Amino acid sequence: MAESVVQEEHLDVLTMTGQKTGITKPRSEVHRVGDYHRTVNAWIFAESTQELLLQRRADFKDSWPGMWDISSAGHISAGDSSLISA
């Protein structure tokens, strides 16, 4: 039986002004060296009740485990757009 190998997500590396450099790196490397990269955030707000949907981050997350967070957020994979990622 073959082992399942999960490939690490690759992110576009950006300049300080948000322009793509043409370089992609694994997520862990981008975070380790502090490269600029894109993320997307989706806020779910019910105008009728004035309620904002929040979520509690999983305890195993590598950043801010178990903390309250916005409705949905994440990295934008290399080559993807903000709209598609949202």
PDB file of N, CA and C in Angstrom:
ATOM      1  N   MET A   1       0.838  -1.175   0.000  1.00  0.00           N
ATOM      2  CA  MET A   1       0.000   0.000   0.000  1.00  0.00           C
ATOM      3  C   MET A   1       0.895   1.256   0.000  1.00  0.00           C
ATOM      4  N   ALA A   2       0.669   2.152  -0.922  1.00  0.00           N
ATOM      5  CA  ALA A   2       1.498   3.358  -1.061  1.00  0.00           C
ATOM      6  C   ALA A   2       1.154   4.373   0.024  1.00  0.00           C
ATOM      7  N   GLU A   3       2.205   5.059   0.503  1.00  0.00           N
ATOM      8  CA  GLU A   3       1.991   6.114   1.499  1.00  0.00           C
ATOM      9  C   GLU A   3       1.459   7.364   0.821  1.00  0.00           C
ATOM     10  N   SER A   4       0.598   8.074   1.516  1.00  0.00           N
ATOM     11  CA  SER A   4       0.074   9.338   1.016  1.00  0.00           C
ATOM     12  C   SER A   4       1.037  10.455   1.409  1.00  0.00           C
ATOM     13  N   VAL A   5       1.485  11.225   0.431  1.00  0.00           N
ATOM     14  CA  VAL A   5       2.404  12.327   0.690  1.00  0.00           C
ATOM     15  C   VAL A   5       1.658  13.635   0.447  1.00  0.00           C
ATOM     16  N   VAL A   6       1.605  14.466   1.461  1.00  0.00           N
ATOM     17  CA  VAL A   6       0.940  15.755   1.346  1.00  0.00           C
ATOM     18  C   VAL A   6       1.996  16.785   0.970  1.00  0.00           C
ATOM     19  N   GLN A   7       1.793  17.414  -0.181  1.00  0.00           N
ATOM     20  CA  GLN A   7       2.742  18.429  -0.629  1.00  0.00           C
ATOM     21  C   GLN A   7       2.438  19.751   0.065  1.00  0.00           C
ATOM     22  N   GLU A   8       3.474  20.407   0.525  1.00  0.00           N
ATOM     23  CA  GLU A   8       3.313  21.676   1.224  1.00  0.00           C
ATOM     24  C   GLU A   8       2.856  22.766   0.258  1.00  0.00           C
ATOM     25  N   GLU A   9       1.964  23.598   0.731  1.00  0.00           N
ATOM     26  CA  GLU A   9       1.449  24.723  -0.050  1.00  0.00           C
ATOM     27  C   GLU A   9       2.582  25.686  -0.409  1.00  0.00           C
ATOM     28  N   HIS A  10       2.604  26.143  -1.655  1.00  0.00           N
ATOM     29  CA  HIS A  10       3.571  27.139  -2.102  1.00  0.00           C
ATOM     30  C   HIS A  10       2.884  28.493  -2.223  1.00  0.00           C
ATOM     31  N   LEU A  11       3.616  29.549  -1.838  1.00  0.00           N
ATOM     32  CA  LEU A  11       3.084  30.905  -1.858  1.00  0.00           C
ATOM     33  C   LEU A  11       3.940  31.781  -2.760  1.00  0.00           C
ATOM     34  N   ASP A  12       3.294  32.779  -3.391  1.00  0.00           N
ATOM     35  CA  ASP A  12       4.028  33.780  -4.155  1.00  0.00           C
ATOM     36  C   ASP A  12       4.741  34.704  -3.180  1.00  0.00           C
ATOM     37  N   VAL A  13       6.017  34.965  -3.417  1.00  0.00           N
ATOM     38  CA  VAL A  13       6.778  35.918  -2.611  1.00  0.00           C
ATOM     39  C   VAL A  13       6.574  37.306  -3.219  1.00  0.00           C
ATOM     40  N   LEU A  14       6.290  38.291  -2.360  1.00  0.00           N
ATOM     41  CA  LEU A  14       6.000  39.647  -2.814  1.00  0.00           C
ATOM     42  C   LEU A  14       7.094  40.623  -2.391  1.00  0.00           C
ATOM     43  N   THR A  15       7.122  41.773  -3.077  1.00  0.00           N
ATOM     44  CA  THR A  15       7.962  42.881  -2.638  1.00  0.00           C
ATOM     45  C   THR A  15       7.263  43.571  -1.472  1.00  0.00           C
ATOM     46  N   MET A  16       7.939  44.521  -0.853  1.00  0.00           N
ATOM     47  CA  MET A  16       7.346  45.262   0.260  1.00  0.00           C
ATOM     48  C   MET A  16       6.098  46.043  -0.179  1.00  0.00           C
ATOM     49  N   THR A  17       5.984  46.358  -1.464  1.00  0.00           N
ATOM     50  CA  THR A  17       4.821  47.100  -1.968  1.00  0.00           C
ATOM     51  C   THR A  17       3.739  46.182  -2.531  1.00  0.00           C
ATOM     52  N   GLY A  18       3.919  44.855  -2.381  1.00  0.00           N
ATOM     53  CA  GLY A  18       2.878  43.906  -2.775  1.00  0.00           C
ATOM     54  C   GLY A  18       2.952  43.391  -4.197  1.00  0.00           C
ATOM     55  N   GLN A  19       4.051  43.648  -4.882  1.00  0.00           N
ATOM     56  CA  GLN A  19       4.218  43.146  -6.246  1.00  0.00           C
ATOM     57  C   GLN A  19       4.830  41.748  -6.209  1.00  0.00           C
ATOM     58  N   LYS A  20       4.370  40.866  -7.101  1.00  0.00           N
ATOM     59  CA  LYS A  20       4.947  39.522  -7.186  1.00  0.00           C
ATOM     60  C   LYS A  20       6.388  39.607  -7.657  1.00  0.00           C
ATOM     61  N   THR A  21       7.252  38.801  -7.035  1.00  0.00           N
ATOM     62  CA  THR A  21       8.666  38.766  -7.407  1.00  0.00           C
ATOM     63  C   THR A  21       8.948  37.722  -8.476  1.00  0.00           C
ATOM     64  N   GLY A  22       7.994  36.834  -8.723  1.00  0.00           N
ATOM     65  CA  GLY A  22       8.220  35.716  -9.638  1.00  0.00           C
ATOM     66  C   GLY A  22       8.782  34.498  -8.925  1.00  0.00           C
ATOM     67  N   ILE A  23       8.959  34.616  -7.619  1.00  0.00           N
ATOM     68  CA  ILE A  23       9.488  33.514  -6.801  1.00  0.00           C
ATOM     69  C   ILE A  23       8.347  32.910  -6.001  1.00  0.00           C
ATOM     70  N   THR A  24       8.296  31.591  -5.927  1.00  0.00           N
ATOM     71  CA  THR A  24       7.372  30.901  -5.029  1.00  0.00           C
ATOM     72  C   THR A  24       8.200  30.056  -4.077  1.00  0.00           C
ATOM     73  N   LYS A  25       7.690  29.912  -2.871  1.00  0.00           N
ATOM     74  CA  LYS A  25       8.378  29.127  -1.849  1.00  0.00           C
ATOM     75  C   LYS A  25       7.339  28.352  -1.040  1.00  0.00           C
ATOM     76  N   PRO A  26       7.778  27.264  -0.379  1.00  0.00           N
ATOM     77  CA  PRO A  26       6.875  26.562   0.539  1.00  0.00           C
ATOM     78  C   PRO A  26       6.454  27.490   1.687  1.00  0.00           C
ATOM     79  N   ARG A  27       5.246  27.303   2.170  1.00  0.00           N
ATOM     80  CA  ARG A  27       4.687  28.136   3.247  1.00  0.00           C
ATOM     81  C   ARG A  27       5.635  28.219   4.445  1.00  0.00           C
ATOM     82  N   SER A  28       6.193  27.088   4.844  1.00  0.00           N
ATOM     83  CA  SER A  28       7.056  27.078   6.029  1.00  0.00           C
ATOM     84  C   SER A  28       8.296  27.950   5.823  1.00  0.00           C
ATOM     85  N   GLU A  29       8.845  27.944   4.610  1.00  0.00           N
ATOM     86  CA  GLU A  29      10.028  28.754   4.318  1.00  0.00           C
ATOM     87  C   GLU A  29       9.675  30.247   4.313  1.00  0.00           C
ATOM     88  N   VAL A  30       8.539  30.581   3.716  1.00  0.00           N
ATOM     89  CA  VAL A  30       8.076  31.978   3.691  1.00  0.00           C
ATOM     90  C   VAL A  30       7.931  32.501   5.117  1.00  0.00           C
ATOM     91  N   HIS A  31       7.336  31.715   5.990  1.00  0.00           N
ATOM     92  CA  HIS A  31       7.149  32.132   7.381  1.00  0.00           C
ATOM     93  C   HIS A  31       8.479  32.167   8.141  1.00  0.00           C
ATOM     94  N   ARG A  32       9.356  31.205   7.871  1.00  0.00           N
ATOM     95  CA  ARG A  32      10.640  31.136   8.580  1.00  0.00           C
ATOM     96  C   ARG A  32      11.502  32.365   8.314  1.00  0.00           C
ATOM     97  N   VAL A  33      11.536  32.820   7.043  1.00  0.00           N
ATOM     98  CA  VAL A  33      12.403  33.951   6.692  1.00  0.00           C
ATOM     99  C   VAL A  33      11.665  35.288   6.683  1.00  0.00           C
ATOM    100  N   GLY A  34      10.342  35.260   6.827  1.00  0.00           N
ATOM    101  CA  GLY A  34       9.576  36.503   6.904  1.00  0.00           C
ATOM    102  C   GLY A  34       9.293  37.166   5.573  1.00  0.00           C
ATOM    103  N   ASP A  35       9.212  36.372   4.496  1.00  0.00           N
ATOM    104  CA  ASP A  35       8.871  36.941   3.189  1.00  0.00           C
ATOM    105  C   ASP A  35       7.457  37.509   3.186  1.00  0.00           C
ATOM    106  N   TYR A  36       7.262  38.569   2.421  1.00  0.00           N
ATOM    107  CA  TYR A  36       5.920  39.100   2.204  1.00  0.00           C
ATOM    108  C   TYR A  36       5.151  38.122   1.324  1.00  0.00           C
ATOM    109  N   HIS A  37       3.870  37.912   1.657  1.00  0.00           N
ATOM    110  CA  HIS A  37       3.009  37.016   0.896  1.00  0.00           C
ATOM    111  C   HIS A  37       1.562  37.446   1.098  1.00  0.00           C
ATOM    112  N   ARG A  38       0.682  36.948   0.229  1.00  0.00           N
ATOM    113  CA  ARG A  38      -0.719  37.366   0.272  1.00  0.00           C
ATOM    114  C   ARG A  38      -1.580  36.421   1.112  1.00  0.00           C
ATOM    115  N   THR A  39      -2.573  37.021   1.738  1.00  0.00           N
ATOM    116  CA  THR A  39      -3.616  36.259   2.433  1.00  0.00           C
ATOM    117  C   THR A  39      -4.956  36.854   2.042  1.00  0.00           C
ATOM    118  N   VAL A  40      -6.011  36.144   2.357  1.00  0.00           N
ATOM    119  CA  VAL A  40      -7.359  36.637   2.099  1.00  0.00           C
ATOM    120  C   VAL A  40      -8.158  36.498   3.384  1.00  0.00           C
ATOM    121  N   ASN A  41      -9.048  37.454   3.627  1.00  0.00           N
ATOM    122  CA  ASN A  41      -9.916  37.441   4.802  1.00  0.00           C
ATOM    123  C   ASN A  41     -11.348  37.656   4.353  1.00  0.00           C
ATOM    124  N   ALA A  42     -12.255  36.815   4.828  1.00  0.00           N
ATOM    125  CA  ALA A  42     -13.681  36.966   4.533  1.00  0.00           C
ATOM    126  C   ALA A  42     -14.407  37.188   5.850  1.00  0.00           C
ATOM    127  N   TRP A  43     -15.113  38.298   5.935  1.00  0.00           N
ATOM    128  CA  TRP A  43     -15.878  38.640   7.134  1.00  0.00           C
ATOM    129  C   TRP A  43     -17.351  38.402   6.821  1.00  0.00           C
ATOM    130  N   ILE A  44     -18.029  37.646   7.668  1.00  0.00           N
ATOM    131  CA  ILE A  44     -19.455  37.378   7.479  1.00  0.00           C
ATOM    132  C   ILE A  44     -20.219  38.167   8.525  1.00  0.00           C
ATOM    133  N   PHE A  45     -20.992  39.145   8.045  1.00  0.00           N
ATOM    134  CA  PHE A  45     -21.726  40.064   8.912  1.00  0.00           C
ATOM    135  C   PHE A  45     -23.190  40.054   8.515  1.00  0.00           C
ATOM    136  N   ALA A  46     -24.063  39.802   9.478  1.00  0.00           N
ATOM    137  CA  ALA A  46     -25.512  39.813   9.243  1.00  0.00           C
ATOM    138  C   ALA A  46     -26.037  41.203   9.591  1.00  0.00           C
ATOM    139  N   GLU A  47     -26.362  41.979   8.561  1.00  0.00           N
ATOM    140  CA  GLU A  47     -26.846  43.340   8.807  1.00  0.00           C
ATOM    141  C   GLU A  47     -28.131  43.359   9.616  1.00  0.00           C
ATOM    142  N   SER A  48     -29.016  42.381   9.375  1.00  0.00           N
ATOM    143  CA  SER A  48     -30.310  42.383  10.047  1.00  0.00           C
ATOM    144  C   SER A  48     -30.198  42.231  11.560  1.00  0.00           C
ATOM    145  N   THR A  49     -29.202  41.485  12.020  1.00  0.00           N
ATOM    146  CA  THR A  49     -29.035  41.259  13.455  1.00  0.00           C
ATOM    147  C   THR A  49     -27.801  41.957  14.022  1.00  0.00           C
ATOM    148  N   GLN A  50     -27.021  42.578  13.125  1.00  0.00           N
ATOM    149  CA  GLN A  50     -25.775  43.249  13.530  1.00  0.00           C
ATOM    150  C   GLN A  50     -24.798  42.275  14.190  1.00  0.00           C
ATOM    151  N   GLU A  51     -24.774  41.028  13.694  1.00  0.00           N
ATOM    152  CA  GLU A  51     -23.890  40.005  14.244  1.00  0.00           C
ATOM    153  C   GLU A  51     -22.746  39.711  13.277  1.00  0.00           C
ATOM    154  N   LEU A  52     -21.557  39.515  13.855  1.00  0.00           N
ATOM    155  CA  LEU A  52     -20.372  39.143  13.099  1.00  0.00           C
ATOM    156  C   LEU A  52     -20.023  37.705  13.447  1.00  0.00           C
ATOM    157  N   LEU A  53     -19.859  36.875  12.435  1.00  0.00           N
ATOM    158  CA  LEU A  53     -19.516  35.482  12.653  1.00  0.00           C
ATOM    159  C   LEU A  53     -18.020  35.365  12.942  1.00  0.00           C
ATOM    160  N   LEU A  54     -17.684  34.753  14.056  1.00  0.00           N
ATOM    161  CA  LEU A  54     -16.296  34.494  14.430  1.00  0.00           C
ATOM    162  C   LEU A  54     -16.085  32.989  14.513  1.00  0.00           C
ATOM    163  N   GLN A  55     -14.838  32.580  14.511  1.00  0.00           N
ATOM    164  CA  GLN A  55     -14.520  31.169  14.691  1.00  0.00           C
ATOM    165  C   GLN A  55     -13.378  31.036  15.693  1.00  0.00           C
ATOM    166  N   ARG A  56     -13.325  29.898  16.340  1.00  0.00           N
ATOM    167  CA  ARG A  56     -12.206  29.610  17.243  1.00  0.00           C
ATOM    168  C   ARG A  56     -11.192  28.782  16.473  1.00  0.00           C
ATOM    169  N   ARG A  57      -9.955  29.245  16.437  1.00  0.00           N
ATOM    170  CA  ARG A  57      -8.897  28.533  15.728  1.00  0.00           C
ATOM    171  C   ARG A  57      -8.618  27.193  16.407  1.00  0.00           C
ATOM    172  N   ALA A  58      -8.273  26.216  15.606  1.00  0.00           N
ATOM    173  CA  ALA A  58      -7.967  24.885  16.129  1.00  0.00           C
ATOM    174  C   ALA A  58      -6.762  24.946  17.063  1.00  0.00           C
ATOM    175  N   ASP A  59      -6.748  24.076  18.045  1.00  0.00           N
ATOM    176  CA  ASP A  59      -5.662  24.035  19.024  1.00  0.00           C
ATOM    177  C   ASP A  59      -4.316  23.637  18.421  1.00  0.00           C
ATOM    178  N   PHE A  60      -4.327  22.978  17.251  1.00  0.00           N
ATOM    179  CA  PHE A  60      -3.075  22.522  16.642  1.00  0.00           C
ATOM    180  C   PHE A  60      -2.467  23.532  15.665  1.00  0.00           C
ATOM    181  N   LYS A  61      -3.106  24.687  15.447  1.00  0.00           N
ATOM    182  CA  LYS A  61      -2.574  25.686  14.512  1.00  0.00           C
ATOM    183  C   LYS A  61      -1.215  26.186  14.994  1.00  0.00           C
ATOM    184  N   ASP A  62      -0.327  26.519  14.033  1.00  0.00           N
ATOM    185  CA  ASP A  62       1.023  26.962  14.412  1.00  0.00           C
ATOM    186  C   ASP A  62       1.066  28.425  14.834  1.00  0.00           C
ATOM    187  N   SER A  63       0.000  29.161  14.549  1.00  0.00           N
ATOM    188  CA  SER A  63      -0.064  30.552  15.011  1.00  0.00           C
ATOM    189  C   SER A  63      -1.419  30.801  15.660  1.00  0.00           C
ATOM    190  N   TRP A  64      -1.393  31.408  16.815  1.00  0.00           N
ATOM    191  CA  TRP A  64      -2.593  31.768  17.581  1.00  0.00           C
ATOM    192  C   TRP A  64      -3.554  30.595  17.801  1.00  0.00           C
ATOM    193  N   PRO A  65      -3.065  29.428  18.231  1.00  0.00           N
ATOM    194  CA  PRO A  65      -3.953  28.281  18.452  1.00  0.00           C
ATOM    195  C   PRO A  65      -4.996  28.574  19.524  1.00  0.00           C
ATOM    196  N   GLY A  66      -6.224  28.123  19.266  1.00  0.00           N
ATOM    197  CA  GLY A  66      -7.299  28.253  20.239  1.00  0.00           C
ATOM    198  C   GLY A  66      -7.858  29.649  20.420  1.00  0.00           C
ATOM    199  N   MET A  67      -7.378  30.617  19.642  1.00  0.00           N
ATOM    200  CA  MET A  67      -7.838  32.003  19.793  1.00  0.00           C
ATOM    201  C   MET A  67      -9.024  32.284  18.855  1.00  0.00           C
ATOM    202  N   TRP A  68      -9.818  33.281  19.195  1.00  0.00           N
ATOM    203  CA  TRP A  68     -10.927  33.710  18.347  1.00  0.00           C
ATOM    204  C   TRP A  68     -10.373  34.463  17.148  1.00  0.00           C
ATOM    205  N   ASP A  69     -11.021  34.281  15.995  1.00  0.00           N
ATOM    206  CA  ASP A  69     -10.541  34.850  14.740  1.00  0.00           C
ATOM    207  C   ASP A  69     -11.731  35.286  13.893  1.00  0.00           C
ATOM    208  N   ILE A  70     -11.418  35.967  12.802  1.00  0.00           N
ATOM    209  CA  ILE A  70     -12.478  36.404  11.889  1.00  0.00           C
ATOM    210  C   ILE A  70     -13.151  35.201  11.250  1.00  0.00           C
ATOM    211  N   SER A  71     -14.168  35.443  10.458  1.00  0.00           N
ATOM    212  CA  SER A  71     -14.985  34.382   9.888  1.00  0.00           C
ATOM    213  C   SER A  71     -14.183  33.345   9.114  1.00  0.00           C
ATOM    214  N   SER A  72     -13.325  33.798   8.224  1.00  0.00           N
ATOM    215  CA  SER A  72     -12.544  32.875   7.410  1.00  0.00           C
ATOM    216  C   SER A  72     -11.331  33.602   6.849  1.00  0.00           C
ATOM    217  N   ALA A  73     -10.192  32.962   6.890  1.00  0.00           N
ATOM    218  CA  ALA A  73      -8.974  33.569   6.371  1.00  0.00           C
ATOM    219  C   ALA A  73      -7.985  32.481   5.994  1.00  0.00           C
ATOM    220  N   GLY A  74      -7.029  32.847   5.161  1.00  0.00           N
ATOM    221  CA  GLY A  74      -6.002  31.894   4.802  1.00  0.00           C
ATOM    222  C   GLY A  74      -5.034  32.467   3.794  1.00  0.00           C
ATOM    223  N   HIS A  75      -4.023  31.694   3.497  1.00  0.00           N
ATOM    224  CA  HIS A  75      -3.032  32.095   2.515  1.00  0.00           C
ATOM    225  C   HIS A  75      -3.615  31.973   1.110  1.00  0.00           C
ATOM    226  N   ILE A  76      -3.054  32.729   0.202  1.00  0.00           N
ATOM    227  CA  ILE A  76      -3.405  32.614  -1.210  1.00  0.00           C
ATOM    228  C   ILE A  76      -2.295  31.795  -1.865  1.00  0.00           C
ATOM    229  N   SER A  77      -2.648  30.625  -2.368  1.00  0.00           N
ATOM    230  CA  SER A  77      -1.655  29.741  -2.982  1.00  0.00           C
ATOM    231  C   SER A  77      -1.034  30.392  -4.206  1.00  0.00           C
ATOM    232  N   ALA A  78       0.208  30.030  -4.490  1.00  0.00           N
ATOM    233  CA  ALA A  78       0.935  30.569  -5.641  1.00  0.00           C
ATOM    234  C   ALA A  78       0.078  30.446  -6.895  1.00  0.00           C
ATOM    235  N   GLY A  79      -0.055  31.557  -7.613  1.00  0.00           N
ATOM    236  CA  GLY A  79      -0.803  31.574  -8.871  1.00  0.00           C
ATOM    237  C   GLY A  79      -2.280  31.820  -8.729  1.00  0.00           C
ATOM    238  N   ASP A  80      -2.840  31.737  -7.534  1.00  0.00           N
ATOM    239  CA  ASP A  80      -4.271  31.954  -7.338  1.00  0.00           C
ATOM    240  C   ASP A  80      -4.568  33.433  -7.132  1.00  0.00           C
ATOM    241  N   SER A  81      -5.841  33.793  -7.336  1.00  0.00           N
ATOM    242  CA  SER A  81      -6.272  35.179  -7.134  1.00  0.00           C
ATOM    243  C   SER A  81      -6.932  35.331  -5.769  1.00  0.00           C
ATOM    244  N   SER A  82      -7.048  36.576  -5.339  1.00  0.00           N
ATOM    245  CA  SER A  82      -7.716  36.859  -4.063  1.00  0.00           C
ATOM    246  C   SER A  82      -9.180  36.428  -4.102  1.00  0.00           C
ATOM    247  N   LEU A  83      -9.867  36.726  -5.185  1.00  0.00           N
ATOM    248  CA  LEU A  83     -11.293  36.394  -5.305  1.00  0.00           C
ATOM    249  C   LEU A  83     -11.535  34.892  -5.284  1.00  0.00           C
ATOM    250  N   ILE A  84     -10.762  34.145  -6.037  1.00  0.00           N
ATOM    251  CA  ILE A  84     -10.909  32.691  -6.049  1.00  0.00           C
ATOM    252  C   ILE A  84     -10.603  32.111  -4.669  1.00  0.00           C
ATOM    253  N   SER A  85      -9.573  32.625  -4.021  1.00  0.00           N
ATOM    254  CA  SER A  85      -9.190  32.128  -2.700  1.00  0.00           C
ATOM    255  C   SER A  85     -10.246  32.411  -1.645  1.00  0.00           C
ATOM    256  N   ALA A  86     -10.887  33.570  -1.752  1.00  0.00           N
ATOM    257  CA  ALA A  86     -11.941  33.923  -0.783  1.00  0.00           C
ATOM    258  C   ALA A  86     -13.083  32.943  -0.900  1.00  0.00           C
TER     259      ALA A  86
END
